[in-house]
Amino acid sequence: MRVALLTDIHANRQAFAACLACARAEGTEQFVLLGDYVGYGADPDWCVSTVMDLVAAGAVALQGNHDCAVGNPRVQMNSEARAAIEWTRSQLGREQRSFLAELPLTFEDWGLLFVHADASRPGNWNYVLDAGDAARSIQATTAHVTFCGHVHRPALYSMSTTGKLTTFTPTSDVPIQLLQGRQWLAVLGSVGQPRDGNPAASYAMLDTTRREITYRRAPYDIESAANCIRAQGLPPWLADRLAVGR
């Protein structure tokens, strides 16, 4: 099965639409979305409604920390993220807010685990930033491969049966076989707010039969997305950072 993996959309309609179009053109049979559909960007209504439509058609959607924060003001965030979430609440209807609040934290199938953040404590929203974080997340599950987001920078880790951890940054469009005999942690890049220096929207394609993951980039109209953020009076840095991928 060809599975499209998308995460950290962050209310970026232009980036989300571009990734969906690219994934569908590749023959996607299933969508798995790993959270953070809102926050930072200017189109939470459209993005959440699109996720809801995908779920109605059979997609899997998980909850991210920004989604949780819509209904839970105790979720810790920096001042810019908090300002965006406070504005987002006014943009979403009751059905959309309920949808976000009821999303699960994890999904497991095909011997694979999907989660927004660190798998050891999904609801704590811990980042997987380095080898130590990756080891903790891998050791918390028996899944052959764990997929997460939250970091906004693609990365791939694997652990041998003796506990030796390897890490590298994947190259776009190069398939990587997720070999048996090791446990893997694939950190996906962000659709709506990449932070790896590449401003193109980031997603991944998973082939569950071949056990291969391919990281992808989708160019999109960055200036339009940035202008929409500015037009809504959101913090200017949320618009400016899109062009530099930071």
C-alpha atoms as a PDB file:
ATOM      1  CA  MET A   1       0.000   0.000   0.000  1.00  0.00           C
ATOM      2  CA  ARG A   2       1.180   3.506  -0.820  1.00  0.00           C
ATOM      3  CA  VAL A   3       0.626   5.750   2.192  1.00  0.00           C
ATOM      4  CA  ALA A   4       1.072   9.533   2.185  1.00  0.00           C
ATOM      5  CA  LEU A   5       2.370  10.882   5.507  1.00  0.00           C
ATOM      6  CA  LEU A   6       1.660  14.538   6.287  1.00  0.00           C
ATOM      7  CA  THR A   7       2.199  16.445   9.505  1.00  0.00           C
ATOM      8  CA  ASP A   8       2.520  19.951  10.913  1.00  0.00           C
ATOM      9  CA  ILE A   9       0.252  21.575   8.336  1.00  0.00           C
ATOM     10  CA  HIS A  10      -0.225  24.630  10.548  1.00  0.00           C
ATOM     11  CA  ALA A  11      -3.151  26.222   8.737  1.00  0.00           C
ATOM     12  CA  ASN A  12      -1.093  26.703   5.563  1.00  0.00           C
ATOM     13  CA  ARG A  13      -3.703  26.125   2.878  1.00  0.00           C
ATOM     14  CA  GLN A  14      -1.331  26.630  -0.034  1.00  0.00           C
ATOM     15  CA  ALA A  15       1.237  24.125   1.254  1.00  0.00           C
ATOM     16  CA  PHE A  16      -1.387  21.562   2.274  1.00  0.00           C
ATOM     17  CA  ALA A  17      -3.101  21.700  -1.118  1.00  0.00           C
ATOM     18  CA  ALA A  18       0.242  21.295  -2.897  1.00  0.00           C
ATOM     19  CA  CYS A  19       1.181  18.211  -0.858  1.00  0.00           C
ATOM     20  CA  LEU A  20      -2.229  16.621  -1.355  1.00  0.00           C
ATOM     21  CA  ALA A  21      -1.997  17.160  -5.112  1.00  0.00           C
ATOM     22  CA  CYS A  22       1.505  15.671  -5.288  1.00  0.00           C
ATOM     23  CA  ALA A  23       0.595  12.684  -3.120  1.00  0.00           C
ATOM     24  CA  ARG A  24      -2.492  11.919  -5.172  1.00  0.00           C
ATOM     25  CA  ALA A  25      -0.480  12.151  -8.381  1.00  0.00           C
ATOM     26  CA  GLU A  26       1.808   9.450  -6.932  1.00  0.00           C
ATOM     27  CA  GLY A  27      -1.103   7.067  -6.525  1.00  0.00           C
ATOM     28  CA  THR A  28      -1.670   7.392  -2.792  1.00  0.00           C
ATOM     29  CA  GLU A  29      -4.005   4.732  -1.420  1.00  0.00           C
ATOM     30  CA  GLN A  30      -4.124   5.974   2.173  1.00  0.00           C
ATOM     31  CA  PHE A  31      -3.442   9.209   4.027  1.00  0.00           C
ATOM     32  CA  VAL A  32      -2.066   9.316   7.563  1.00  0.00           C
ATOM     33  CA  LEU A  33      -1.901  12.784   9.128  1.00  0.00           C
ATOM     34  CA  LEU A  34       0.182  13.199  12.267  1.00  0.00           C
ATOM     35  CA  GLY A  35      -1.294  16.365  13.733  1.00  0.00           C
ATOM     36  CA  ASP A  36      -0.924  20.127  14.055  1.00  0.00           C
ATOM     37  CA  TYR A  37      -3.463  21.148  11.452  1.00  0.00           C
ATOM     38  CA  VAL A  38      -3.785  24.596  13.036  1.00  0.00           C
ATOM     39  CA  GLY A  39      -1.519  27.253  14.511  1.00  0.00           C
ATOM     40  CA  TYR A  40       0.781  29.799  12.864  1.00  0.00           C
ATOM     41  CA  GLY A  41      -1.059  29.972   9.517  1.00  0.00           C
ATOM     42  CA  ALA A  42      -4.039  31.914   8.198  1.00  0.00           C
ATOM     43  CA  ASP A  43      -6.440  29.185   7.058  1.00  0.00           C
ATOM     44  CA  PRO A  44      -7.362  26.932  10.003  1.00  0.00           C
ATOM     45  CA  ASP A  45     -10.988  26.643   8.872  1.00  0.00           C
ATOM     46  CA  TRP A  46     -10.063  25.307   5.425  1.00  0.00           C
ATOM     47  CA  CYS A  47      -7.311  23.032   6.714  1.00  0.00           C
ATOM     48  CA  VAL A  48      -9.390  21.431   9.478  1.00  0.00           C
ATOM     49  CA  SER A  49     -12.359  20.985   7.133  1.00  0.00           C
ATOM     50  CA  THR A  50     -10.065  19.319   4.605  1.00  0.00           C
ATOM     51  CA  VAL A  51      -8.709  16.955   7.255  1.00  0.00           C
ATOM     52  CA  MET A  52     -12.260  16.124   8.310  1.00  0.00           C
ATOM     53  CA  ASP A  53     -13.147  15.314   4.692  1.00  0.00           C
ATOM     54  CA  LEU A  54     -10.087  13.091   4.372  1.00  0.00           C
ATOM     55  CA  VAL A  55     -10.998  11.225   7.555  1.00  0.00           C
ATOM     56  CA  ALA A  56     -14.559  10.755   6.293  1.00  0.00           C
ATOM     57  CA  ALA A  57     -13.030   9.156   3.188  1.00  0.00           C
ATOM     58  CA  GLY A  58     -10.901   6.734   5.249  1.00  0.00           C
ATOM     59  CA  ALA A  59      -7.792   8.703   6.240  1.00  0.00           C
ATOM     60  CA  VAL A  60      -6.215   8.486   9.697  1.00  0.00           C
ATOM     61  CA  ALA A  61      -5.665  11.732  11.612  1.00  0.00           C
ATOM     62  CA  LEU A  62      -3.868  12.162  14.937  1.00  0.00           C
ATOM     63  CA  GLN A  63      -3.815  15.032  17.404  1.00  0.00           C
ATOM     64  CA  GLY A  64      -0.889  17.437  17.681  1.00  0.00           C
ATOM     65  CA  ASN A  65      -0.095  19.894  20.453  1.00  0.00           C
ATOM     66  CA  HIS A  66      -1.518  22.889  18.561  1.00  0.00           C
ATOM     67  CA  ASP A  67      -4.735  20.965  17.922  1.00  0.00           C
ATOM     68  CA  CYS A  68      -4.903  20.124  21.615  1.00  0.00           C
ATOM     69  CA  ALA A  69      -4.255  23.759  22.567  1.00  0.00           C
ATOM     70  CA  VAL A  70      -7.396  24.923  20.751  1.00  0.00           C
ATOM     71  CA  GLY A  71      -9.475  23.421  23.548  1.00  0.00           C
ATOM     72  CA  ASN A  72      -6.874  23.341  26.299  1.00  0.00           C
ATOM     73  CA  PRO A  73      -5.285  26.687  27.206  1.00  0.00           C
ATOM     74  CA  ARG A  74      -2.866  24.932  29.580  1.00  0.00           C
ATOM     75  CA  VAL A  75      -0.771  23.587  26.698  1.00  0.00           C
ATOM     76  CA  GLN A  76       2.543  25.450  26.894  1.00  0.00           C
ATOM     77  CA  MET A  77       3.571  27.555  23.886  1.00  0.00           C
ATOM     78  CA  ASN A  78       5.699  30.557  23.059  1.00  0.00           C
ATOM     79  CA  SER A  79       4.041  33.958  22.721  1.00  0.00           C
ATOM     80  CA  GLU A  80       3.704  33.905  18.918  1.00  0.00           C
ATOM     81  CA  ALA A  81       2.233  30.396  18.880  1.00  0.00           C
ATOM     82  CA  ARG A  82      -0.147  31.380  21.692  1.00  0.00           C
ATOM     83  CA  ALA A  83      -1.322  34.466  19.788  1.00  0.00           C
ATOM     84  CA  ALA A  84      -1.998  32.341  16.704  1.00  0.00           C
ATOM     85  CA  ILE A  85      -3.960  29.760  18.703  1.00  0.00           C
ATOM     86  CA  GLU A  86      -6.057  32.421  20.412  1.00  0.00           C
ATOM     87  CA  TRP A  87      -6.941  33.828  16.974  1.00  0.00           C
ATOM     88  CA  THR A  88      -7.551  30.302  15.634  1.00  0.00           C
ATOM     89  CA  ARG A  89     -10.198  29.592  18.257  1.00  0.00           C
ATOM     90  CA  SER A  90     -12.329  32.378  16.814  1.00  0.00           C
ATOM     91  CA  GLN A  91     -12.020  30.939  13.310  1.00  0.00           C
ATOM     92  CA  LEU A  92     -13.253  27.424  14.038  1.00  0.00           C
ATOM     93  CA  GLY A  93     -16.810  26.214  14.528  1.00  0.00           C
ATOM     94  CA  ARG A  94     -17.999  23.901  17.278  1.00  0.00           C
ATOM     95  CA  GLU A  95     -17.819  20.803  15.062  1.00  0.00           C
ATOM     96  CA  GLN A  96     -14.246  21.571  14.078  1.00  0.00           C
ATOM     97  CA  ARG A  97     -13.165  22.179  17.657  1.00  0.00           C
ATOM     98  CA  SER A  98     -14.793  18.925  18.771  1.00  0.00           C
ATOM     99  CA  PHE A  99     -13.064  17.074  15.942  1.00  0.00           C
ATOM    100  CA  LEU A 100      -9.651  18.322  17.047  1.00  0.00           C
ATOM    101  CA  ALA A 101     -10.323  17.569  20.725  1.00  0.00           C
ATOM    102  CA  GLU A 102     -11.362  13.986  20.020  1.00  0.00           C
ATOM    103  CA  LEU A 103      -8.448  12.992  17.787  1.00  0.00           C
ATOM    104  CA  PRO A 104      -6.320  10.085  19.076  1.00  0.00           C
ATOM    105  CA  LEU A 105      -2.673  10.500  20.057  1.00  0.00           C
ATOM    106  CA  THR A 106      -1.442   7.355  18.307  1.00  0.00           C
ATOM    107  CA  PHE A 107      -2.322   4.920  15.545  1.00  0.00           C
ATOM    108  CA  GLU A 108      -0.784   1.484  15.002  1.00  0.00           C
ATOM    109  CA  ASP A 109      -1.132  -0.792  11.977  1.00  0.00           C
ATOM    110  CA  TRP A 110       1.025  -2.810   9.573  1.00  0.00           C
ATOM    111  CA  GLY A 111       3.499  -3.225  12.470  1.00  0.00           C
ATOM    112  CA  LEU A 112       4.014   0.533  12.417  1.00  0.00           C
ATOM    113  CA  LEU A 113       3.358   3.238  15.005  1.00  0.00           C
ATOM    114  CA  PHE A 114       2.270   6.774  14.147  1.00  0.00           C
ATOM    115  CA  VAL A 115       2.407   9.613  16.691  1.00  0.00           C
ATOM    116  CA  HIS A 116       2.841  13.371  16.635  1.00  0.00           C
ATOM    117  CA  ALA A 117       5.727  13.680  19.104  1.00  0.00           C
ATOM    118  CA  ASP A 118       7.928  11.410  21.240  1.00  0.00           C
ATOM    119  CA  ALA A 119       6.338   7.960  21.462  1.00  0.00           C
ATOM    120  CA  SER A 120       7.351   7.368  25.069  1.00  0.00           C
ATOM    121  CA  ARG A 121       4.839   9.948  26.345  1.00  0.00           C
ATOM    122  CA  PRO A 122       2.736  11.153  23.421  1.00  0.00           C
ATOM    123  CA  GLY A 123       0.637  13.569  25.458  1.00  0.00           C
ATOM    124  CA  ASN A 124       3.672  15.391  26.858  1.00  0.00           C
ATOM    125  CA  TRP A 125       4.564  16.703  23.384  1.00  0.00           C
ATOM    126  CA  ASN A 126       8.304  16.117  23.795  1.00  0.00           C
ATOM    127  CA  TYR A 127      10.493  16.765  20.749  1.00  0.00           C
ATOM    128  CA  VAL A 128      12.783  14.204  19.124  1.00  0.00           C
ATOM    129  CA  LEU A 129      15.768  16.476  18.535  1.00  0.00           C
ATOM    130  CA  ASP A 130      18.768  14.159  18.858  1.00  0.00           C
ATOM    131  CA  ALA A 131      19.950  10.591  19.286  1.00  0.00           C
ATOM    132  CA  GLY A 132      19.046  10.480  22.977  1.00  0.00           C
ATOM    133  CA  ASP A 133      15.490  11.564  22.285  1.00  0.00           C
ATOM    134  CA  ALA A 134      15.251   9.066  19.423  1.00  0.00           C
ATOM    135  CA  ALA A 135      16.497   6.192  21.578  1.00  0.00           C
ATOM    136  CA  ARG A 136      13.897   6.950  24.250  1.00  0.00           C
ATOM    137  CA  SER A 137      11.121   7.009  21.657  1.00  0.00           C
ATOM    138  CA  ILE A 138      12.252   3.806  19.922  1.00  0.00           C
ATOM    139  CA  GLN A 139      12.681   1.888  23.167  1.00  0.00           C
ATOM    140  CA  ALA A 140       9.144   2.795  24.242  1.00  0.00           C
ATOM    141  CA  THR A 141       7.581   0.616  21.538  1.00  0.00           C
ATOM    142  CA  THR A 142       7.985  -2.756  19.862  1.00  0.00           C
ATOM    143  CA  ALA A 143       6.924  -1.341  16.485  1.00  0.00           C
ATOM    144  CA  HIS A 144       9.310  -1.952  13.611  1.00  0.00           C
ATOM    145  CA  VAL A 145       8.978   1.690  12.543  1.00  0.00           C
ATOM    146  CA  THR A 146       7.691   4.744  14.390  1.00  0.00           C
ATOM    147  CA  PHE A 147       6.693   7.863  12.463  1.00  0.00           C
ATOM    148  CA  CYS A 148       6.446  11.257  14.136  1.00  0.00           C
ATOM    149  CA  GLY A 149       6.415  14.970  13.377  1.00  0.00           C
ATOM    150  CA  HIS A 150       6.558  17.981  15.739  1.00  0.00           C
ATOM    151  CA  VAL A 151      10.186  18.891  14.935  1.00  0.00           C
ATOM    152  CA  HIS A 152       9.603  20.341  11.428  1.00  0.00           C
ATOM    153  CA  ARG A 153      12.938  18.910  10.234  1.00  0.00           C
ATOM    154  CA  PRO A 154      13.246  15.527   8.472  1.00  0.00           C
ATOM    155  CA  ALA A 155      15.456  12.958  10.176  1.00  0.00           C
ATOM    156  CA  LEU A 156      15.810   9.203  10.275  1.00  0.00           C
ATOM    157  CA  TYR A 157      17.104   7.029  13.122  1.00  0.00           C
ATOM    158  CA  SER A 158      17.586   3.284  13.456  1.00  0.00           C
ATOM    159  CA  MET A 159      18.547   1.030  16.347  1.00  0.00           C
ATOM    160  CA  SER A 160      20.168  -2.389  16.079  1.00  0.00           C
ATOM    161  CA  THR A 161      19.328  -5.366  18.260  1.00  0.00           C
ATOM    162  CA  THR A 162      22.389  -4.488  20.360  1.00  0.00           C
ATOM    163  CA  GLY A 163      21.134  -0.960  20.955  1.00  0.00           C
ATOM    164  CA  LYS A 164      23.476   0.829  18.561  1.00  0.00           C
ATOM    165  CA  LEU A 165      21.788   3.939  17.158  1.00  0.00           C
ATOM    166  CA  THR A 166      22.473   5.479  13.777  1.00  0.00           C
ATOM    167  CA  THR A 167      21.128   8.777  12.497  1.00  0.00           C
ATOM    168  CA  PHE A 168      21.158  10.635   9.202  1.00  0.00           C
ATOM    169  CA  THR A 169      19.301  13.301   7.301  1.00  0.00           C
ATOM    170  CA  PRO A 170      17.314  11.807   4.409  1.00  0.00           C
ATOM    171  CA  THR A 171      17.675  13.103   0.869  1.00  0.00           C
ATOM    172  CA  SER A 172      14.465  14.049  -0.914  1.00  0.00           C
ATOM    173  CA  ASP A 173      13.186  11.644  -3.577  1.00  0.00           C
ATOM    174  CA  VAL A 174      15.589   8.853  -2.583  1.00  0.00           C
ATOM    175  CA  PRO A 175      13.747   5.734  -1.332  1.00  0.00           C
ATOM    176  CA  ILE A 176      15.062   4.297   1.939  1.00  0.00           C
ATOM    177  CA  GLN A 177      14.411   0.667   2.774  1.00  0.00           C
ATOM    178  CA  LEU A 178      13.393   0.171   6.389  1.00  0.00           C
ATOM    179  CA  LEU A 179      15.264  -3.074   6.887  1.00  0.00           C
ATOM    180  CA  GLN A 180      14.095  -5.795   9.218  1.00  0.00           C
ATOM    181  CA  GLY A 181      16.352  -6.574  12.163  1.00  0.00           C
ATOM    182  CA  ARG A 182      16.413  -2.924  13.229  1.00  0.00           C
ATOM    183  CA  GLN A 183      13.890  -0.552  14.770  1.00  0.00           C
ATOM    184  CA  TRP A 184      13.374   2.738  12.959  1.00  0.00           C
ATOM    185  CA  LEU A 185      12.171   6.221  13.833  1.00  0.00           C
ATOM    186  CA  ALA A 186      11.239   8.454  10.900  1.00  0.00           C
ATOM    187  CA  VAL A 187      10.828  12.113  11.805  1.00  0.00           C
ATOM    188  CA  LEU A 188       8.780  13.775   9.091  1.00  0.00           C
ATOM    189  CA  GLY A 189       9.240  17.307   7.868  1.00  0.00           C
ATOM    190  CA  SER A 190       6.521  19.946   8.080  1.00  0.00           C
ATOM    191  CA  VAL A 191       3.930  20.613   5.402  1.00  0.00           C
ATOM    192  CA  GLY A 192       3.153  24.149   6.467  1.00  0.00           C
ATOM    193  CA  GLN A 193       6.241  25.480   8.247  1.00  0.00           C
ATOM    194  CA  PRO A 194       9.521  23.721   7.341  1.00  0.00           C
ATOM    195  CA  ARG A 195      12.489  24.550   9.573  1.00  0.00           C
ATOM    196  CA  ASP A 196      15.342  22.787   7.785  1.00  0.00           C
ATOM    197  CA  GLY A 197      16.306  25.691   5.542  1.00  0.00           C
ATOM    198  CA  ASN A 198      14.237  24.447   2.601  1.00  0.00           C
ATOM    199  CA  PRO A 199      10.986  26.428   2.299  1.00  0.00           C
ATOM    200  CA  ALA A 200       9.217  23.853   0.091  1.00  0.00           C
ATOM    201  CA  ALA A 201       6.438  21.911   1.825  1.00  0.00           C
ATOM    202  CA  SER A 202       7.604  18.553   3.178  1.00  0.00           C
ATOM    203  CA  TYR A 203       5.803  15.219   3.279  1.00  0.00           C
ATOM    204  CA  ALA A 204       6.690  11.543   2.815  1.00  0.00           C
ATOM    205  CA  MET A 205       5.484   8.489   0.923  1.00  0.00           C
ATOM    206  CA  LEU A 206       5.519   5.071   2.564  1.00  0.00           C
ATOM    207  CA  ASP A 207       5.330   1.789   0.655  1.00  0.00           C
ATOM    208  CA  THR A 208       4.157  -0.750   3.230  1.00  0.00           C
ATOM    209  CA  THR A 209       4.834  -3.701   0.916  1.00  0.00           C
ATOM    210  CA  ARG A 210       8.425  -2.768   0.142  1.00  0.00           C
ATOM    211  CA  ARG A 211       8.942  -1.196   3.575  1.00  0.00           C
ATOM    212  CA  GLU A 212      10.337   1.912   1.935  1.00  0.00           C
ATOM    213  CA  ILE A 213       9.971   5.563   2.850  1.00  0.00           C
ATOM    214  CA  THR A 214      10.642   8.421   0.441  1.00  0.00           C
ATOM    215  CA  TYR A 215      10.803  11.994   1.700  1.00  0.00           C
ATOM    216  CA  ARG A 216       9.277  14.498  -0.727  1.00  0.00           C
ATOM    217  CA  ARG A 217       9.176  18.286  -1.183  1.00  0.00           C
ATOM    218  CA  ALA A 218       6.328  20.201  -2.819  1.00  0.00           C
ATOM    219  CA  PRO A 219       6.879  23.780  -4.008  1.00  0.00           C
ATOM    220  CA  TYR A 220       3.944  26.085  -3.316  1.00  0.00           C
ATOM    221  CA  ASP A 221       2.964  29.763  -3.429  1.00  0.00           C
ATOM    222  CA  ILE A 222       4.847  30.910  -0.342  1.00  0.00           C
ATOM    223  CA  GLU A 223       4.203  34.605  -0.884  1.00  0.00           C
ATOM    224  CA  SER A 224       0.453  34.044  -1.031  1.00  0.00           C
ATOM    225  CA  ALA A 225       0.522  32.068   2.224  1.00  0.00           C
ATOM    226  CA  ALA A 226       2.652  34.763   3.889  1.00  0.00           C
ATOM    227  CA  ASN A 227       0.392  37.563   2.688  1.00  0.00           C
ATOM    228  CA  CYS A 228      -2.633  35.764   4.141  1.00  0.00           C
ATOM    229  CA  ILE A 229      -0.898  35.623   7.538  1.00  0.00           C
ATOM    230  CA  ARG A 230      -0.102  39.336   7.394  1.00  0.00           C
ATOM    231  CA  ALA A 231      -3.651  40.181   6.329  1.00  0.00           C
ATOM    232  CA  GLN A 232      -5.024  38.484   9.440  1.00  0.00           C
ATOM    233  CA  GLY A 233      -2.816  40.568  11.732  1.00  0.00           C
ATOM    234  CA  LEU A 234      -0.885  37.573  13.056  1.00  0.00           C
ATOM    235  CA  PRO A 235       2.727  38.035  14.268  1.00  0.00           C
ATOM    236  CA  PRO A 236       4.808  39.068  11.210  1.00  0.00           C
ATOM    237  CA  TRP A 237       7.566  36.514  11.880  1.00  0.00           C
ATOM    238  CA  LEU A 238       5.050  33.731  11.187  1.00  0.00           C
ATOM    239  CA  ALA A 239       4.830  35.057   7.626  1.00  0.00           C
ATOM    240  CA  ASP A 240       8.493  35.979   7.170  1.00  0.00           C
ATOM    241  CA  ARG A 241       9.845  32.593   8.219  1.00  0.00           C
ATOM    242  CA  LEU A 242       8.043  30.735   5.429  1.00  0.00           C
ATOM    243  CA  ALA A 243      10.367  32.085   2.742  1.00  0.00           C
ATOM    244  CA  VAL A 244      13.515  30.979   4.567  1.00  0.00           C
ATOM    245  CA  GLY A 245      12.310  27.646   5.922  1.00  0.00           C
ATOM    246  CA  ARG A 246      13.152  28.496   9.536  1.00  0.00           C
END
